[in-house]
Amino acid sequence: MGYRRGYYRKDGTYVQGHFANNRSKFSNKNNGCLLLILILIAFTSIISCSDSSESNCPTKNCDDFKSRAEAQSAFENNKDCYKNLDADGDGIACENLK
């Protein structure tokens, strides 16, 4: 709210000054906070979507396979999901198995 000064209309009559609510519901004072909240919501939704793509991978380690050949076959079929089977990064999965 603010005080509105008196003024003259075009027809020459005077309008006395008075208090007037000249701000809308969404005034410019709160736009910074609103923008920050919207950015935060967008950022968290992007993060939650990117994490959900990895959840489709099975969580298996070398103890879940009977032989190195079986682990190597699973690793070669999907290297993104089974990257934990190759600890040293040389392309050979579960080197401790026989």
N, C-alpha and C. Protein backbone atom coordinates (compact mmCIF):
# COMPACT_ATOMS: atom_id res chain seq x y z
N MET A 1 0.83 -1.17 0.00
CA MET A 1 0.00 0.00 0.00
C MET A 1 0.89 1.24 0.00
N GLY A 2 0.37 2.25 -0.60
CA GLY A 2 1.11 3.50 -0.64
C GLY A 2 0.14 4.66 -0.71
N TYR A 3 0.67 5.83 -0.42
CA TYR A 3 -0.17 7.03 -0.47
C TYR A 3 -0.14 7.58 -1.88
N ARG A 4 -1.31 7.77 -2.43
CA ARG A 4 -1.44 8.31 -3.79
C ARG A 4 -1.70 9.80 -3.68
N ARG A 5 -0.85 10.58 -4.33
CA ARG A 5 -1.01 12.04 -4.27
C ARG A 5 -2.27 12.47 -5.01
N GLY A 6 -2.76 13.63 -4.62
CA GLY A 6 -3.91 14.19 -5.31
C GLY A 6 -3.54 14.63 -6.72
N TYR A 7 -4.52 14.67 -7.59
CA TYR A 7 -4.26 15.05 -8.98
C TYR A 7 -5.52 15.67 -9.58
N TYR A 8 -5.32 16.35 -10.68
CA TYR A 8 -6.44 16.96 -11.41
C TYR A 8 -6.80 16.08 -12.61
N ARG A 9 -8.09 15.83 -12.79
CA ARG A 9 -8.55 15.11 -13.97
C ARG A 9 -8.57 16.04 -15.17
N LYS A 10 -8.80 15.48 -16.34
CA LYS A 10 -8.83 16.28 -17.57
C LYS A 10 -9.98 17.29 -17.55
N ASP A 11 -11.05 16.94 -16.86
CA ASP A 11 -12.18 17.87 -16.82
C ASP A 11 -12.00 18.98 -15.79
N GLY A 12 -10.84 18.99 -15.09
CA GLY A 12 -10.54 20.07 -14.16
C GLY A 12 -10.90 19.79 -12.73
N THR A 13 -11.55 18.67 -12.44
CA THR A 13 -11.89 18.38 -11.05
C THR A 13 -10.68 17.79 -10.34
N TYR A 14 -10.61 18.05 -9.04
CA TYR A 14 -9.48 17.59 -8.24
C TYR A 14 -9.85 16.31 -7.51
N VAL A 15 -8.96 15.33 -7.55
CA VAL A 15 -9.14 14.08 -6.81
C VAL A 15 -8.16 14.12 -5.65
N GLN A 16 -8.71 14.03 -4.44
CA GLN A 16 -7.89 14.13 -3.24
C GLN A 16 -7.00 12.89 -3.10
N GLY A 17 -5.81 13.11 -2.54
CA GLY A 17 -4.88 12.01 -2.29
C GLY A 17 -5.44 11.02 -1.30
N HIS A 18 -5.08 9.76 -1.44
CA HIS A 18 -5.59 8.72 -0.56
C HIS A 18 -4.66 7.51 -0.61
N PHE A 19 -4.83 6.61 0.33
CA PHE A 19 -4.06 5.38 0.32
C PHE A 19 -4.65 4.43 -0.71
N ALA A 20 -3.76 3.79 -1.46
CA ALA A 20 -4.23 2.87 -2.50
C ALA A 20 -3.32 1.65 -2.53
N ASN A 21 -3.91 0.52 -2.76
CA ASN A 21 -3.15 -0.71 -2.94
C ASN A 21 -2.80 -0.81 -4.41
N ASN A 22 -1.59 -0.42 -4.74
CA ASN A 22 -1.19 -0.43 -6.14
C ASN A 22 -0.22 -1.56 -6.47
N ARG A 23 -0.11 -2.55 -5.59
CA ARG A 23 0.73 -3.71 -5.86
C ARG A 23 -0.16 -4.91 -6.15
N SER A 24 0.29 -5.72 -7.05
CA SER A 24 -0.46 -6.94 -7.35
C SER A 24 -0.06 -8.03 -6.36
N LYS A 25 -0.71 -9.18 -6.47
CA LYS A 25 -0.37 -10.33 -5.62
C LYS A 25 1.08 -10.74 -5.82
N PHE A 26 1.51 -10.70 -7.06
CA PHE A 26 2.85 -11.15 -7.42
C PHE A 26 3.72 -9.92 -7.67
N SER A 27 4.06 -9.23 -6.61
CA SER A 27 4.83 -8.01 -6.77
C SER A 27 6.27 -8.35 -7.15
N ASN A 28 6.97 -7.36 -7.61
CA ASN A 28 8.35 -7.56 -8.05
C ASN A 28 9.30 -7.88 -6.91
N LYS A 29 8.90 -7.62 -5.67
CA LYS A 29 9.78 -7.90 -4.54
C LYS A 29 10.00 -9.39 -4.34
N ASN A 30 9.06 -10.23 -4.71
CA ASN A 30 9.18 -11.67 -4.47
C ASN A 30 9.62 -12.45 -5.69
N ASN A 31 9.87 -11.82 -6.81
CA ASN A 31 10.23 -12.56 -8.02
C ASN A 31 11.57 -13.27 -7.88
N GLY A 32 12.51 -12.73 -7.13
CA GLY A 32 13.80 -13.38 -6.93
C GLY A 32 13.66 -14.70 -6.19
N CYS A 33 12.86 -14.70 -5.15
CA CYS A 33 12.64 -15.93 -4.38
C CYS A 33 11.88 -16.96 -5.21
N LEU A 34 10.90 -16.51 -5.95
CA LEU A 34 10.13 -17.42 -6.79
C LEU A 34 11.01 -18.05 -7.86
N LEU A 35 11.87 -17.26 -8.46
CA LEU A 35 12.79 -17.77 -9.47
C LEU A 35 13.76 -18.77 -8.87
N LEU A 36 14.27 -18.50 -7.69
CA LEU A 36 15.18 -19.40 -7.02
C LEU A 36 14.50 -20.73 -6.69
N ILE A 37 13.28 -20.69 -6.25
CA ILE A 37 12.54 -21.92 -5.94
C ILE A 37 12.29 -22.74 -7.20
N LEU A 38 11.93 -22.08 -8.29
CA LEU A 38 11.70 -22.80 -9.56
C LEU A 38 12.98 -23.45 -10.07
N ILE A 39 14.10 -22.76 -9.96
CA ILE A 39 15.38 -23.33 -10.38
C ILE A 39 15.73 -24.52 -9.52
N LEU A 40 15.51 -24.43 -8.23
CA LEU A 40 15.79 -25.54 -7.32
C LEU A 40 14.93 -26.75 -7.65
N ILE A 41 13.67 -26.54 -7.93
CA ILE A 41 12.78 -27.65 -8.30
C ILE A 41 13.24 -28.30 -9.60
N ALA A 42 13.60 -27.49 -10.58
CA ALA A 42 14.07 -28.03 -11.86
C ALA A 42 15.36 -28.81 -11.68
N PHE A 43 16.28 -28.30 -10.88
CA PHE A 43 17.56 -28.97 -10.66
C PHE A 43 17.37 -30.32 -9.96
N THR A 44 16.52 -30.37 -8.94
CA THR A 44 16.31 -31.63 -8.24
C THR A 44 15.59 -32.65 -9.12
N SER A 45 14.71 -32.19 -10.01
CA SER A 45 14.04 -33.15 -10.89
C SER A 45 15.01 -33.70 -11.92
N ILE A 46 15.95 -32.90 -12.39
CA ILE A 46 16.96 -33.39 -13.33
C ILE A 46 17.85 -34.41 -12.65
N ILE A 47 18.25 -34.15 -11.42
CA ILE A 47 19.10 -35.08 -10.70
C ILE A 47 18.36 -36.39 -10.44
N SER A 48 17.12 -36.32 -10.05
CA SER A 48 16.37 -37.54 -9.76
C SER A 48 16.14 -38.36 -11.02
N CYS A 49 15.97 -37.71 -12.16
CA CYS A 49 15.80 -38.45 -13.42
C CYS A 49 17.09 -39.10 -13.86
N SER A 50 18.22 -38.46 -13.65
CA SER A 50 19.49 -39.04 -14.09
C SER A 50 19.89 -40.22 -13.21
N ASP A 51 19.53 -40.20 -11.93
CA ASP A 51 19.86 -41.31 -11.05
C ASP A 51 19.00 -42.53 -11.31
N SER A 52 17.79 -42.34 -11.81
CA SER A 52 16.89 -43.47 -12.00
C SER A 52 17.30 -44.36 -13.16
N SER A 53 18.11 -43.86 -14.10
CA SER A 53 18.52 -44.68 -15.24
C SER A 53 19.47 -45.78 -14.82
N GLU A 54 20.28 -45.57 -13.77
CA GLU A 54 21.21 -46.59 -13.32
C GLU A 54 20.54 -47.64 -12.45
N SER A 55 19.37 -47.38 -11.96
CA SER A 55 18.70 -48.33 -11.08
C SER A 55 18.20 -49.57 -11.83
N ASN A 56 18.17 -49.52 -13.17
CA ASN A 56 17.75 -50.67 -13.94
C ASN A 56 18.83 -51.74 -14.01
N CYS A 57 20.04 -51.40 -13.62
CA CYS A 57 21.15 -52.36 -13.65
C CYS A 57 21.06 -53.30 -12.45
N PRO A 58 21.33 -54.58 -12.67
CA PRO A 58 21.36 -55.50 -11.53
C PRO A 58 22.58 -55.23 -10.67
N THR A 59 22.43 -55.41 -9.38
CA THR A 59 23.55 -55.19 -8.47
C THR A 59 24.20 -56.53 -8.17
N LYS A 60 25.16 -56.89 -8.99
CA LYS A 60 25.87 -58.16 -8.80
C LYS A 60 27.36 -57.87 -8.65
N ASN A 61 28.01 -58.71 -7.87
CA ASN A 61 29.45 -58.64 -7.76
C ASN A 61 30.04 -60.00 -8.10
N CYS A 62 31.33 -60.16 -7.97
CA CYS A 62 31.99 -61.39 -8.40
C CYS A 62 31.53 -62.62 -7.64
N ASP A 63 31.08 -62.44 -6.41
CA ASP A 63 30.62 -63.59 -5.61
C ASP A 63 29.32 -64.19 -6.17
N ASP A 64 28.60 -63.46 -6.99
CA ASP A 64 27.35 -63.95 -7.55
C ASP A 64 27.54 -64.87 -8.76
N PHE A 65 28.75 -64.97 -9.27
CA PHE A 65 29.03 -65.80 -10.45
C PHE A 65 29.82 -67.03 -10.04
N LYS A 66 29.56 -68.15 -10.74
CA LYS A 66 30.23 -69.42 -10.43
C LYS A 66 31.62 -69.49 -11.04
N SER A 67 31.79 -68.86 -12.21
CA SER A 67 33.08 -68.91 -12.88
C SER A 67 33.42 -67.55 -13.49
N ARG A 68 34.72 -67.42 -13.82
CA ARG A 68 35.16 -66.18 -14.45
C ARG A 68 34.57 -66.02 -15.84
N ALA A 69 34.36 -67.13 -16.54
CA ALA A 69 33.78 -67.09 -17.88
C ALA A 69 32.34 -66.55 -17.84
N GLU A 70 31.59 -66.97 -16.84
CA GLU A 70 30.22 -66.49 -16.69
C GLU A 70 30.20 -64.98 -16.37
N ALA A 71 31.11 -64.55 -15.50
CA ALA A 71 31.20 -63.14 -15.15
C ALA A 71 31.68 -62.31 -16.35
N GLN A 72 32.62 -62.87 -17.12
CA GLN A 72 33.12 -62.16 -18.30
C GLN A 72 32.04 -62.00 -19.35
N SER A 73 31.21 -63.02 -19.51
CA SER A 73 30.11 -62.96 -20.47
C SER A 73 29.11 -61.87 -20.09
N ALA A 74 28.76 -61.81 -18.81
CA ALA A 74 27.83 -60.77 -18.34
C ALA A 74 28.45 -59.39 -18.50
N PHE A 75 29.76 -59.28 -18.22
CA PHE A 75 30.45 -58.00 -18.33
C PHE A 75 30.49 -57.52 -19.78
N GLU A 76 30.76 -58.39 -20.71
CA GLU A 76 30.84 -58.01 -22.12
C GLU A 76 29.47 -57.67 -22.71
N ASN A 77 28.40 -58.30 -22.22
CA ASN A 77 27.06 -58.00 -22.72
C ASN A 77 26.59 -56.60 -22.32
N ASN A 78 26.98 -56.16 -21.14
CA ASN A 78 26.55 -54.84 -20.66
C ASN A 78 27.63 -54.25 -19.76
N LYS A 79 28.60 -53.59 -20.38
CA LYS A 79 29.74 -53.06 -19.62
C LYS A 79 29.36 -51.91 -18.70
N ASP A 80 28.31 -51.19 -19.03
CA ASP A 80 27.89 -50.07 -18.17
C ASP A 80 27.33 -50.56 -16.85
N CYS A 81 26.51 -51.62 -16.91
CA CYS A 81 25.90 -52.13 -15.68
C CYS A 81 26.88 -52.96 -14.85
N TYR A 82 27.75 -53.68 -15.50
CA TYR A 82 28.65 -54.59 -14.78
C TYR A 82 30.06 -54.04 -14.68
N LYS A 83 30.21 -52.71 -14.65
CA LYS A 83 31.55 -52.13 -14.58
C LYS A 83 32.23 -52.43 -13.25
N ASN A 84 31.48 -52.78 -12.22
CA ASN A 84 32.08 -53.11 -10.93
C ASN A 84 32.76 -54.48 -10.94
N LEU A 85 32.52 -55.30 -11.96
CA LEU A 85 33.18 -56.61 -12.05
C LEU A 85 34.63 -56.48 -12.49
N ASP A 86 34.99 -55.39 -13.14
CA ASP A 86 36.35 -55.15 -13.61
C ASP A 86 36.98 -54.08 -12.73
N ALA A 87 37.62 -54.51 -11.65
CA ALA A 87 38.13 -53.57 -10.66
C ALA A 87 39.31 -52.75 -11.18
N ASP A 88 40.21 -53.35 -11.96
CA ASP A 88 41.40 -52.62 -12.40
C ASP A 88 41.26 -52.00 -13.79
N GLY A 89 40.14 -52.22 -14.47
CA GLY A 89 39.87 -51.56 -15.74
C GLY A 89 40.60 -52.13 -16.93
N ASP A 90 41.05 -53.38 -16.84
CA ASP A 90 41.79 -53.97 -17.96
C ASP A 90 40.89 -54.76 -18.91
N GLY A 91 39.57 -54.81 -18.66
CA GLY A 91 38.65 -55.51 -19.54
C GLY A 91 38.42 -56.96 -19.16
N ILE A 92 39.05 -57.43 -18.11
CA ILE A 92 38.87 -58.81 -17.64
C ILE A 92 38.08 -58.75 -16.33
N ALA A 93 36.91 -59.41 -16.34
CA ALA A 93 36.02 -59.37 -15.18
C ALA A 93 36.38 -60.46 -14.18
N CYS A 94 36.28 -60.16 -12.92
CA CYS A 94 36.46 -61.11 -11.81
C CYS A 94 37.71 -61.95 -11.98
N GLU A 95 38.85 -61.32 -11.96
CA GLU A 95 40.12 -62.04 -12.17
C GLU A 95 40.44 -62.99 -11.04
N ASN A 96 39.82 -62.84 -9.89
CA ASN A 96 40.07 -63.73 -8.76
C ASN A 96 39.32 -65.06 -8.90
N LEU A 97 38.34 -65.16 -9.79
CA LEU A 97 37.60 -66.41 -9.99
C LEU A 97 38.36 -67.30 -10.98
N LYS A 98 38.08 -68.61 -10.92
CA LYS A 98 38.73 -69.56 -11.84
C LYS A 98 37.80 -69.95 -12.94
